[in-house]
Amino acid sequence: MNDAFFQEVLDSMFDGVYFVDPRRRITYWNQGAERISGFSEAEVMGRSCADNILRHVDEEGHQLCLEGCPLAATMSDGQPREAEVYMHHKDGHRVPVVVRAAPIRDEAEQIIGAVEVFVPGRTAERAQQIIEDLRRQALHDPLTQIGNRRFGETNLESLEGDTAPAQSGILFVDIDHFKHVNDTYGHEAGDEVLKMVANTLLNGLRAGDSVCRWGGEEFVVMLPGCDGEDLARVAERLRMLVAKSWIDHEGNRLRVTISLGGALTTEENAIERVLEQADRRLYVSKETGRNRVTLTD
């Protein structure tokens, strides 16, 4: 069996697969890697995997390409590794993936590189299904492709009543200094930022959570069956993931941050009151420095 056969097999895989040499330069990139990351083979071949391509971050926001790279560690000690990380997509947003690294050895058993296989996490797979369902039901926002305000209002209604979870969380999210992005770089760049933030929020949720574009640069996240600890954890993860994301626009790397305000439903609190609390706390985050989460008064 020749190299062409093995390349055809690798390209037919849904998983992303790439090889690196001892200096972490990419020597092979399959079609699955292109599909999941958005980067073509021509864009990555010969470049270091840490060179502003995938830029994995973990749940705490550590940039693994700079500290704790699974590939580098595997090439150092020859041990395979697995990790759940958030990958940087070419379009700017973050994608949850499971990565597995293994050493590549020559005939003398010397390590001459490594292979990384990455597959979309369950959240990413579910996010794509959500987008497809929203399109069919005309509940999607045409620009960002996530749920629109009507979708959000319908989901909010499900958080109260006899069949609602005992407790749920709501987050109001606003992009910081969004007007500056539009005024400085134009509305096309602003649209790309909106899409990047929307997809990063969608990919950072728990199973069963949802997000909608509420209006302008504001989003609402709904977390059924959520306690205070869950709400804080998800809110901080979303804040971190957006801060660690960026888009490339006409030679400029554009980064934005988000401010968040959240509240929990209770038997005594009507949804309208919870929304008011979350909205008020969002503006506390804006007024006290932005790029932060406020969950209490």
Foldseek 3Di string as FASTA:
>chain_A
DDPVVVLVVQQVDLKWKWKAFLVQQTQDTHVNNCVVQVDDPVRRHRHHPCPPGFQWAALVLDRCVVPVPQFNVCLVPQDKDKDWTWTQHQLWATFTKIKIKGFDADPVRHTGIIMIIIDGDPLRVVLVVQLVVCVVVVQADVLQSFGAQVVVVVVLVQCDDDNHAQKKKKKKKAWPPLVVCCVPPNVVSSSSLLNRLVVNLSNLDDPPKGKYAHDDRMIMIIGGPDDPVRVVSSVLSSQSRQQPIWHQDPNDTDGIGMAMFMEMDHNPDDSVNRVVRRVVQSVVCVVVPGSYYGYDD
